[in-house]
Amino acid sequence: MMADTHDAPQAPRRAGALDAAKTVLYGLIGIRRKADHESARITPLQVIVAAVVLVALFIFTLLTVVRLVLS
């Protein structure tokens, strides 16, 4: 007799760069959805790299806006 595969839990898919970036952005603005965190398997290294890149981009944007306003 064949086992019914509809009831078996699915393993989370491997996360990409966009999934890690979305998770970090949601964390920066305070939005958390449990379904987003469980739908992909994100490693701590992916979160750290995404956070460093996004914070650097944020600082660069702030500096650019300030330079434009002051010039």
C-alpha atoms as a PDB file:
ATOM      1  CA  MET A   1       0.000   0.000   0.000  1.00  0.00           C
ATOM      2  CA  MET A   2       1.394   3.444  -0.950  1.00  0.00           C
ATOM      3  CA  ALA A   3       1.876   6.120   1.684  1.00  0.00           C
ATOM      4  CA  ASP A   4      -0.121   9.306   1.349  1.00  0.00           C
ATOM      5  CA  THR A   5       2.336  12.148   0.647  1.00  0.00           C
ATOM      6  CA  HIS A   6      -0.190  14.932   1.251  1.00  0.00           C
ATOM      7  CA  ASP A   7       0.205  14.741   5.018  1.00  0.00           C
ATOM      8  CA  ALA A   8       4.021  14.668   5.043  1.00  0.00           C
ATOM      9  CA  PRO A   9       5.639  17.963   6.115  1.00  0.00           C
ATOM     10  CA  GLN A  10       7.677  19.620   3.410  1.00  0.00           C
ATOM     11  CA  ALA A  11      11.294  20.506   4.087  1.00  0.00           C
ATOM     12  CA  PRO A  12      12.000  24.242   3.848  1.00  0.00           C
ATOM     13  CA  ARG A  13      13.595  25.317   0.593  1.00  0.00           C
ATOM     14  CA  ARG A  14      17.104  26.751   0.543  1.00  0.00           C
ATOM     15  CA  ALA A  15      17.107  30.523   0.884  1.00  0.00           C
ATOM     16  CA  GLY A  16      18.585  32.867  -1.666  1.00  0.00           C
ATOM     17  CA  ALA A  17      20.007  36.356  -1.299  1.00  0.00           C
ATOM     18  CA  LEU A  18      16.584  37.951  -1.735  1.00  0.00           C
ATOM     19  CA  ASP A  19      15.088  35.840   1.061  1.00  0.00           C
ATOM     20  CA  ALA A  20      17.903  36.859   3.416  1.00  0.00           C
ATOM     21  CA  ALA A  21      17.537  40.525   2.447  1.00  0.00           C
ATOM     22  CA  LYS A  22      13.781  40.433   3.022  1.00  0.00           C
ATOM     23  CA  THR A  23      14.255  38.843   6.434  1.00  0.00           C
ATOM     24  CA  VAL A  24      16.790  41.500   7.452  1.00  0.00           C
ATOM     25  CA  LEU A  25      14.603  44.333   6.145  1.00  0.00           C
ATOM     26  CA  TYR A  26      11.585  42.981   8.016  1.00  0.00           C
ATOM     27  CA  GLY A  27      13.727  42.860  11.141  1.00  0.00           C
ATOM     28  CA  LEU A  28      14.982  46.426  10.660  1.00  0.00           C
ATOM     29  CA  ILE A  29      11.489  47.875  10.419  1.00  0.00           C
ATOM     30  CA  GLY A  30       9.965  45.571  13.014  1.00  0.00           C
ATOM     31  CA  ILE A  31       7.718  43.396  10.851  1.00  0.00           C
ATOM     32  CA  ARG A  32       7.769  39.672  11.547  1.00  0.00           C
ATOM     33  CA  ARG A  33       5.722  37.071   9.778  1.00  0.00           C
ATOM     34  CA  LYS A  34       6.224  33.533  10.923  1.00  0.00           C
ATOM     35  CA  ALA A  35       5.379  32.125   7.496  1.00  0.00           C
ATOM     36  CA  ASP A  36       8.236  34.092   5.897  1.00  0.00           C
ATOM     37  CA  HIS A  37      10.784  32.745   8.345  1.00  0.00           C
ATOM     38  CA  GLU A  38       9.649  29.153   8.003  1.00  0.00           C
ATOM     39  CA  SER A  39       9.305  29.085   4.222  1.00  0.00           C
ATOM     40  CA  ALA A  40      13.064  29.234   3.593  1.00  0.00           C
ATOM     41  CA  ARG A  41      16.116  27.895   5.385  1.00  0.00           C
ATOM     42  CA  ILE A  42      18.368  30.913   5.993  1.00  0.00           C
ATOM     43  CA  THR A  43      21.826  30.433   7.491  1.00  0.00           C
ATOM     44  CA  PRO A  44      23.288  32.869  10.031  1.00  0.00           C
ATOM     45  CA  LEU A  45      26.026  33.779   7.543  1.00  0.00           C
ATOM     46  CA  GLN A  46      23.394  34.850   4.992  1.00  0.00           C
ATOM     47  CA  VAL A  47      21.717  37.054   7.603  1.00  0.00           C
ATOM     48  CA  ILE A  48      25.004  38.660   8.669  1.00  0.00           C
ATOM     49  CA  VAL A  49      26.103  39.393   5.103  1.00  0.00           C
ATOM     50  CA  ALA A  50      22.697  40.779   4.151  1.00  0.00           C
ATOM     51  CA  ALA A  51      22.612  42.966   7.279  1.00  0.00           C
ATOM     52  CA  VAL A  52      26.075  44.407   6.645  1.00  0.00           C
ATOM     53  CA  VAL A  53      25.268  45.154   3.002  1.00  0.00           C
ATOM     54  CA  LEU A  54      21.894  46.735   3.793  1.00  0.00           C
ATOM     55  CA  VAL A  55      23.269  48.862   6.648  1.00  0.00           C
ATOM     56  CA  ALA A  56      26.137  50.046   4.412  1.00  0.00           C
ATOM     57  CA  LEU A  57      23.616  50.917   1.687  1.00  0.00           C
ATOM     58  CA  PHE A  58      21.495  52.810   4.233  1.00  0.00           C
ATOM     59  CA  ILE A  59      24.502  54.820   5.484  1.00  0.00           C
ATOM     60  CA  PHE A  60      25.605  55.572   1.911  1.00  0.00           C
ATOM     61  CA  THR A  61      22.090  56.806   1.105  1.00  0.00           C
ATOM     62  CA  LEU A  62      22.003  59.053   4.168  1.00  0.00           C
ATOM     63  CA  LEU A  63      25.412  60.535   3.354  1.00  0.00           C
ATOM     64  CA  THR A  64      24.369  61.153  -0.251  1.00  0.00           C
ATOM     65  CA  VAL A  65      21.162  62.923   0.800  1.00  0.00           C
ATOM     66  CA  VAL A  66      23.034  65.098   3.288  1.00  0.00           C
ATOM     67  CA  ARG A  67      25.661  66.049   0.695  1.00  0.00           C
ATOM     68  CA  LEU A  68      22.928  66.941  -1.816  1.00  0.00           C
ATOM     69  CA  VAL A  69      21.102  69.094   0.724  1.00  0.00           C
ATOM     70  CA  LEU A  70      24.239  70.898   1.891  1.00  0.00           C
ATOM     71  CA  SER A  71      25.662  71.565  -1.571  1.00  0.00           C
END
